[in-house]
Amino acid sequence: MKKKSKLYLLILPASITLEFIAAKVLAALPSKVEIPTADKLGITKSPINNGTDLTNVFENFTKAWYTFIFVYAIIFLLIAAFRYITASGNPEQLKKANSSLIWALVGIAVGILSVGAVWIIKSFLTP
């Protein structure tokens, strides 16, 4: 325990010193920073012009999200199956397998709910 407390006594002053140095450096930076406008960046119009475009953005995001969640859940299902097979009656290993299975099912439920969220948001944003 003494080694840890000595380490904390070294880290704390060093981190406080670094914070003060960072504050001084940031204070020395110029205060006026020019933020470029859309015309200067070459952007003529926003990609989102109405509610339909906004729902398309939500829809594309959730498609990517639930695809990721489903793939992740399938991996967890395979891990749970492997744990069941290799448990060979060990209650601790069976408990881990059950936990993996439950979390995989939670992941699938989250993926299904994200699909439903798109429909709810679409119903609010489109006339």
N, C-alpha and C. Protein backbone atom coordinates (compact mmCIF):
# COMPACT_ATOMS: atom_id res chain seq x y z
N MET A 1 0.81 -1.20 0.00
CA MET A 1 0.00 0.00 0.00
C MET A 1 0.85 1.26 0.00
N LYS A 2 2.02 1.20 0.64
CA LYS A 2 2.86 2.38 0.72
C LYS A 2 3.38 2.79 -0.64
N LYS A 3 3.68 1.81 -1.51
CA LYS A 3 4.17 2.13 -2.84
C LYS A 3 3.10 2.85 -3.65
N LYS A 4 1.84 2.40 -3.52
CA LYS A 4 0.76 3.03 -4.25
C LYS A 4 0.54 4.46 -3.77
N SER A 5 0.58 4.68 -2.47
CA SER A 5 0.35 6.02 -1.96
C SER A 5 1.48 6.96 -2.38
N LYS A 6 2.72 6.45 -2.45
CA LYS A 6 3.83 7.28 -2.93
C LYS A 6 3.66 7.61 -4.40
N LEU A 7 3.17 6.65 -5.15
CA LEU A 7 2.93 6.89 -6.58
C LEU A 7 1.87 7.95 -6.77
N TYR A 8 0.79 7.89 -5.98
CA TYR A 8 -0.25 8.90 -6.08
C TYR A 8 0.27 10.27 -5.68
N LEU A 9 1.17 10.31 -4.71
CA LEU A 9 1.74 11.58 -4.29
C LEU A 9 2.62 12.19 -5.38
N LEU A 10 3.16 11.37 -6.27
CA LEU A 10 3.94 11.88 -7.39
C LEU A 10 3.05 12.26 -8.57
N ILE A 11 2.01 11.48 -8.80
CA ILE A 11 1.16 11.72 -9.97
C ILE A 11 0.28 12.95 -9.78
N LEU A 12 -0.26 13.14 -8.61
CA LEU A 12 -1.17 14.27 -8.37
C LEU A 12 -0.50 15.62 -8.63
N PRO A 13 0.66 15.93 -8.05
CA PRO A 13 1.27 17.23 -8.35
C PRO A 13 1.66 17.37 -9.82
N ALA A 14 2.09 16.26 -10.43
CA ALA A 14 2.47 16.33 -11.84
C ALA A 14 1.26 16.64 -12.71
N SER A 15 0.13 16.04 -12.43
CA SER A 15 -1.06 16.31 -13.24
C SER A 15 -1.55 17.74 -13.02
N ILE A 16 -1.47 18.24 -11.80
CA ILE A 16 -1.88 19.63 -11.55
C ILE A 16 -0.96 20.59 -12.28
N THR A 17 0.34 20.31 -12.26
CA THR A 17 1.30 21.16 -12.97
C THR A 17 1.01 21.15 -14.47
N LEU A 18 0.73 19.99 -15.03
CA LEU A 18 0.41 19.90 -16.46
C LEU A 18 -0.86 20.68 -16.80
N GLU A 19 -1.83 20.67 -15.90
CA GLU A 19 -3.06 21.43 -16.15
C GLU A 19 -2.77 22.92 -16.20
N PHE A 20 -1.92 23.41 -15.30
CA PHE A 20 -1.57 24.83 -15.31
C PHE A 20 -0.79 25.21 -16.56
N ILE A 21 0.11 24.32 -16.99
CA ILE A 21 0.87 24.59 -18.21
C ILE A 21 -0.07 24.62 -19.41
N ALA A 22 -1.01 23.68 -19.48
CA ALA A 22 -1.97 23.66 -20.59
C ALA A 22 -2.83 24.91 -20.58
N ALA A 23 -3.24 25.37 -19.41
CA ALA A 23 -4.05 26.59 -19.31
C ALA A 23 -3.27 27.79 -19.82
N LYS A 24 -1.98 27.88 -19.49
CA LYS A 24 -1.13 28.99 -19.96
C LYS A 24 -0.98 28.95 -21.47
N VAL A 25 -0.76 27.76 -22.01
CA VAL A 25 -0.60 27.63 -23.46
C VAL A 25 -1.89 28.01 -24.17
N LEU A 26 -3.02 27.56 -23.67
CA LEU A 26 -4.30 27.89 -24.29
C LEU A 26 -4.60 29.38 -24.17
N ALA A 27 -4.20 30.00 -23.07
CA ALA A 27 -4.44 31.43 -22.91
C ALA A 27 -3.58 32.24 -23.87
N ALA A 28 -2.44 31.70 -24.29
CA ALA A 28 -1.56 32.42 -25.20
C ALA A 28 -2.03 32.34 -26.65
N LEU A 29 -2.94 31.46 -26.95
CA LEU A 29 -3.44 31.33 -28.31
C LEU A 29 -4.28 32.55 -28.68
N PRO A 30 -4.34 32.89 -29.96
CA PRO A 30 -5.15 34.04 -30.35
C PRO A 30 -6.62 33.81 -30.02
N SER A 31 -7.28 34.87 -29.56
CA SER A 31 -8.66 34.71 -29.11
C SER A 31 -9.64 34.73 -30.27
N LYS A 32 -9.26 35.34 -31.38
CA LYS A 32 -10.17 35.38 -32.52
C LYS A 32 -9.79 34.30 -33.51
N VAL A 33 -10.64 33.34 -33.63
CA VAL A 33 -10.44 32.27 -34.59
C VAL A 33 -11.55 32.39 -35.61
N GLU A 34 -11.16 32.47 -36.88
CA GLU A 34 -12.16 32.63 -37.93
C GLU A 34 -12.74 31.28 -38.30
N ILE A 35 -14.05 31.18 -38.16
CA ILE A 35 -14.75 29.95 -38.53
C ILE A 35 -15.23 30.12 -39.97
N PRO A 36 -14.80 29.24 -40.86
CA PRO A 36 -15.19 29.41 -42.26
C PRO A 36 -16.68 29.17 -42.46
N THR A 37 -17.25 29.92 -43.35
CA THR A 37 -18.66 29.75 -43.68
C THR A 37 -18.80 28.64 -44.72
N ALA A 38 -20.04 28.27 -44.99
CA ALA A 38 -20.29 27.20 -45.96
C ALA A 38 -19.80 27.58 -47.35
N ASP A 39 -19.95 28.86 -47.71
CA ASP A 39 -19.48 29.29 -49.03
C ASP A 39 -17.97 29.17 -49.17
N LYS A 40 -17.23 29.50 -48.10
CA LYS A 40 -15.77 29.39 -48.15
C LYS A 40 -15.32 27.94 -48.23
N LEU A 41 -16.11 27.03 -47.68
CA LEU A 41 -15.78 25.62 -47.73
C LEU A 41 -16.21 24.97 -49.04
N GLY A 42 -16.96 25.69 -49.84
CA GLY A 42 -17.42 25.14 -51.11
C GLY A 42 -18.72 24.36 -50.99
N ILE A 43 -19.40 24.52 -49.87
CA ILE A 43 -20.68 23.83 -49.68
C ILE A 43 -21.78 24.82 -50.03
N THR A 44 -22.61 24.46 -50.98
CA THR A 44 -23.63 25.40 -51.41
C THR A 44 -24.94 25.22 -50.67
N LYS A 45 -25.27 24.01 -50.27
CA LYS A 45 -26.52 23.81 -49.55
C LYS A 45 -26.40 22.65 -48.58
N SER A 46 -27.28 22.63 -47.61
CA SER A 46 -27.28 21.59 -46.59
C SER A 46 -27.83 20.29 -47.17
N PRO A 47 -27.29 19.16 -46.75
CA PRO A 47 -27.84 17.89 -47.23
C PRO A 47 -29.21 17.58 -46.63
N ILE A 48 -29.58 18.28 -45.56
CA ILE A 48 -30.89 18.09 -44.94
C ILE A 48 -31.72 19.33 -45.19
N ASN A 49 -32.72 19.20 -46.05
CA ASN A 49 -33.55 20.35 -46.39
C ASN A 49 -34.95 20.27 -45.80
N ASN A 50 -35.44 19.08 -45.55
CA ASN A 50 -36.80 18.93 -45.01
C ASN A 50 -36.85 17.69 -44.12
N GLY A 51 -38.02 17.40 -43.62
CA GLY A 51 -38.19 16.28 -42.71
C GLY A 51 -37.88 14.93 -43.33
N THR A 52 -38.13 14.79 -44.62
CA THR A 52 -37.87 13.51 -45.29
C THR A 52 -36.37 13.23 -45.33
N ASP A 53 -35.58 14.26 -45.61
CA ASP A 53 -34.13 14.06 -45.62
C ASP A 53 -33.62 13.69 -44.24
N LEU A 54 -34.19 14.30 -43.22
CA LEU A 54 -33.78 14.00 -41.85
C LEU A 54 -34.13 12.57 -41.48
N THR A 55 -35.29 12.12 -41.89
CA THR A 55 -35.65 10.73 -41.59
C THR A 55 -34.76 9.75 -42.34
N ASN A 56 -34.31 10.14 -43.54
CA ASN A 56 -33.37 9.27 -44.28
C ASN A 56 -32.05 9.15 -43.53
N VAL A 57 -31.60 10.26 -42.92
CA VAL A 57 -30.37 10.21 -42.14
C VAL A 57 -30.55 9.27 -40.94
N PHE A 58 -31.68 9.41 -40.23
CA PHE A 58 -31.96 8.52 -39.09
C PHE A 58 -32.05 7.06 -39.55
N GLU A 59 -32.70 6.85 -40.67
CA GLU A 59 -32.89 5.50 -41.17
C GLU A 59 -31.56 4.85 -41.53
N ASN A 60 -30.68 5.59 -42.20
CA ASN A 60 -29.38 5.05 -42.57
C ASN A 60 -28.53 4.76 -41.33
N PHE A 61 -28.60 5.65 -40.34
CA PHE A 61 -27.85 5.44 -39.11
C PHE A 61 -28.32 4.19 -38.39
N THR A 62 -29.63 4.04 -38.26
CA THR A 62 -30.13 2.88 -37.52
C THR A 62 -29.93 1.57 -38.29
N LYS A 63 -29.94 1.62 -39.61
CA LYS A 63 -29.62 0.41 -40.38
C LYS A 63 -28.22 -0.06 -40.06
N ALA A 64 -27.27 0.89 -40.04
CA ALA A 64 -25.90 0.53 -39.69
C ALA A 64 -25.82 0.06 -38.25
N TRP A 65 -26.57 0.72 -37.36
CA TRP A 65 -26.53 0.39 -35.93
C TRP A 65 -27.07 -1.02 -35.68
N TYR A 66 -28.24 -1.34 -36.21
CA TYR A 66 -28.79 -2.66 -35.90
C TYR A 66 -28.04 -3.76 -36.63
N THR A 67 -27.42 -3.48 -37.75
CA THR A 67 -26.58 -4.49 -38.38
C THR A 67 -25.39 -4.81 -37.48
N PHE A 68 -24.77 -3.77 -36.93
CA PHE A 68 -23.66 -3.97 -36.00
C PHE A 68 -24.11 -4.74 -34.76
N ILE A 69 -25.27 -4.36 -34.20
CA ILE A 69 -25.77 -5.00 -32.99
C ILE A 69 -26.09 -6.47 -33.26
N PHE A 70 -26.72 -6.78 -34.39
CA PHE A 70 -27.06 -8.16 -34.69
C PHE A 70 -25.81 -9.02 -34.88
N VAL A 71 -24.81 -8.50 -35.56
CA VAL A 71 -23.56 -9.25 -35.75
C VAL A 71 -22.91 -9.51 -34.40
N TYR A 72 -22.88 -8.48 -33.57
CA TYR A 72 -22.30 -8.61 -32.24
C TYR A 72 -23.08 -9.62 -31.40
N ALA A 73 -24.41 -9.60 -31.50
CA ALA A 73 -25.25 -10.54 -30.74
C ALA A 73 -25.03 -11.98 -31.22
N ILE A 74 -24.86 -12.18 -32.51
CA ILE A 74 -24.60 -13.52 -33.02
C ILE A 74 -23.26 -14.04 -32.51
N ILE A 75 -22.27 -13.16 -32.44
CA ILE A 75 -20.98 -13.56 -31.88
C ILE A 75 -21.15 -13.98 -30.43
N PHE A 76 -21.95 -13.21 -29.66
CA PHE A 76 -22.20 -13.57 -28.27
C PHE A 76 -22.98 -14.89 -28.16
N LEU A 77 -23.91 -15.13 -29.07
CA LEU A 77 -24.62 -16.42 -29.06
C LEU A 77 -23.66 -17.58 -29.29
N LEU A 78 -22.72 -17.40 -30.23
CA LEU A 78 -21.73 -18.44 -30.48
C LEU A 78 -20.83 -18.66 -29.27
N ILE A 79 -20.47 -17.57 -28.60
CA ILE A 79 -19.65 -17.70 -27.39
C ILE A 79 -20.42 -18.45 -26.31
N ALA A 80 -21.71 -18.11 -26.15
CA ALA A 80 -22.54 -18.79 -25.16
C ALA A 80 -22.65 -20.28 -25.49
N ALA A 81 -22.83 -20.60 -26.75
CA ALA A 81 -22.93 -22.01 -27.15
C ALA A 81 -21.62 -22.74 -26.86
N PHE A 82 -20.51 -22.10 -27.16
CA PHE A 82 -19.21 -22.71 -26.88
C PHE A 82 -19.02 -22.93 -25.38
N ARG A 83 -19.47 -21.96 -24.59
CA ARG A 83 -19.35 -22.10 -23.12
C ARG A 83 -20.23 -23.23 -22.60
N TYR A 84 -21.44 -23.38 -23.17
CA TYR A 84 -22.30 -24.50 -22.76
C TYR A 84 -21.64 -25.83 -23.09
N ILE A 85 -21.05 -25.93 -24.28
CA ILE A 85 -20.44 -27.18 -24.70
C ILE A 85 -19.23 -27.52 -23.82
N THR A 86 -18.42 -26.51 -23.52
CA THR A 86 -17.19 -26.77 -22.77
C THR A 86 -17.39 -26.74 -21.26
N ALA A 87 -18.59 -26.44 -20.77
CA ALA A 87 -18.82 -26.36 -19.33
C ALA A 87 -18.72 -27.72 -18.66
N SER A 88 -19.18 -28.75 -19.31
CA SER A 88 -19.18 -30.13 -18.82
C SER A 88 -19.65 -30.24 -17.37
N GLY A 89 -20.78 -29.56 -17.08
CA GLY A 89 -21.41 -29.68 -15.77
C GLY A 89 -20.86 -28.74 -14.71
N ASN A 90 -19.86 -27.94 -15.03
CA ASN A 90 -19.30 -27.00 -14.06
C ASN A 90 -20.30 -25.85 -13.86
N PRO A 91 -20.83 -25.67 -12.64
CA PRO A 91 -21.85 -24.65 -12.43
C PRO A 91 -21.37 -23.22 -12.71
N GLU A 92 -20.09 -22.97 -12.45
CA GLU A 92 -19.56 -21.62 -12.70
C GLU A 92 -19.52 -21.32 -14.20
N GLN A 93 -19.11 -22.31 -14.98
CA GLN A 93 -19.06 -22.14 -16.43
C GLN A 93 -20.47 -22.03 -17.01
N LEU A 94 -21.42 -22.80 -16.45
CA LEU A 94 -22.80 -22.69 -16.91
C LEU A 94 -23.38 -21.32 -16.60
N LYS A 95 -23.00 -20.76 -15.46
CA LYS A 95 -23.46 -19.42 -15.10
C LYS A 95 -22.93 -18.38 -16.10
N LYS A 96 -21.66 -18.52 -16.50
CA LYS A 96 -21.09 -17.61 -17.50
C LYS A 96 -21.80 -17.78 -18.85
N ALA A 97 -22.11 -19.01 -19.21
CA ALA A 97 -22.81 -19.27 -20.47
C ALA A 97 -24.20 -18.65 -20.44
N ASN A 98 -24.91 -18.79 -19.32
CA ASN A 98 -26.23 -18.16 -19.20
C ASN A 98 -26.14 -16.65 -19.31
N SER A 99 -25.13 -16.08 -18.68
CA SER A 99 -24.95 -14.62 -18.74
C SER A 99 -24.69 -14.17 -20.18
N SER A 100 -23.85 -14.91 -20.90
CA SER A 100 -23.58 -14.58 -22.30
C SER A 100 -24.84 -14.67 -23.14
N LEU A 101 -25.63 -15.69 -22.89
CA LEU A 101 -26.87 -15.87 -23.64
C LEU A 101 -27.86 -14.74 -23.36
N ILE A 102 -27.98 -14.35 -22.10
CA ILE A 102 -28.90 -13.26 -21.74
C ILE A 102 -28.46 -11.96 -22.41
N TRP A 103 -27.17 -11.64 -22.37
CA TRP A 103 -26.70 -10.40 -22.98
C TRP A 103 -26.83 -10.43 -24.49
N ALA A 104 -26.69 -11.59 -25.10
CA ALA A 104 -26.90 -11.69 -26.54
C ALA A 104 -28.36 -11.41 -26.88
N LEU A 105 -29.27 -11.93 -26.07
CA LEU A 105 -30.69 -11.66 -26.30
C LEU A 105 -31.03 -10.19 -26.06
N VAL A 106 -30.37 -9.58 -25.08
CA VAL A 106 -30.57 -8.13 -24.86
C VAL A 106 -30.09 -7.36 -26.08
N GLY A 107 -28.96 -7.76 -26.65
CA GLY A 107 -28.45 -7.10 -27.86
C GLY A 107 -29.42 -7.22 -29.02
N ILE A 108 -30.02 -8.39 -29.18
CA ILE A 108 -31.00 -8.57 -30.24
C ILE A 108 -32.22 -7.68 -30.00
N ALA A 109 -32.65 -7.58 -28.74
CA ALA A 109 -33.79 -6.72 -28.41
C ALA A 109 -33.48 -5.26 -28.70
N VAL A 110 -32.25 -4.81 -28.40
CA VAL A 110 -31.86 -3.43 -28.70
C VAL A 110 -31.87 -3.19 -30.20
N GLY A 111 -31.39 -4.16 -30.96
CA GLY A 111 -31.41 -4.03 -32.42
C GLY A 111 -32.82 -3.92 -32.96
N ILE A 112 -33.74 -4.72 -32.43
CA ILE A 112 -35.13 -4.67 -32.87
C ILE A 112 -35.77 -3.35 -32.46
N LEU A 113 -35.47 -2.87 -31.26
CA LEU A 113 -36.02 -1.58 -30.81
C LEU A 113 -35.49 -0.42 -31.65
N SER A 114 -34.26 -0.52 -32.13
CA SER A 114 -33.74 0.57 -32.97
C SER A 114 -34.49 0.64 -34.29
N VAL A 115 -34.92 -0.51 -34.80
CA VAL A 115 -35.73 -0.51 -36.02
C VAL A 115 -37.07 0.16 -35.73
N GLY A 116 -37.67 -0.14 -34.59
CA GLY A 116 -38.93 0.50 -34.21
C GLY A 116 -38.77 1.98 -33.98
N ALA A 117 -37.61 2.41 -33.49
CA ALA A 117 -37.37 3.83 -33.26
C ALA A 117 -37.41 4.61 -34.57
N VAL A 118 -36.94 4.02 -35.64
CA VAL A 118 -36.99 4.69 -36.94
C VAL A 118 -38.43 4.95 -37.34
N TRP A 119 -39.28 3.97 -37.17
CA TRP A 119 -40.69 4.15 -37.53
C TRP A 119 -41.34 5.23 -36.68
N ILE A 120 -41.02 5.28 -35.40
CA ILE A 120 -41.60 6.31 -34.52
C ILE A 120 -41.13 7.69 -34.93
N ILE A 121 -39.82 7.85 -35.17
CA ILE A 121 -39.29 9.16 -35.56
C ILE A 121 -39.85 9.57 -36.92
N LYS A 122 -39.97 8.62 -37.83
CA LYS A 122 -40.53 8.92 -39.15
C LYS A 122 -41.98 9.39 -39.04
N SER A 123 -42.74 8.81 -38.15
CA SER A 123 -44.13 9.21 -38.00
C SER A 123 -44.26 10.61 -37.45
N PHE A 124 -43.29 11.05 -36.63
CA PHE A 124 -43.33 12.41 -36.11
C PHE A 124 -42.86 13.44 -37.12
N LEU A 125 -41.90 13.09 -37.98
CA LEU A 125 -41.28 14.07 -38.85
C LEU A 125 -41.94 14.20 -40.22
N THR A 126 -42.61 13.17 -40.68
CA THR A 126 -43.22 13.27 -42.00
C THR A 126 -44.71 13.55 -41.86
N PRO A 127 -45.22 14.36 -42.77
CA PRO A 127 -46.66 14.70 -42.69
C PRO A 127 -47.56 13.57 -43.10
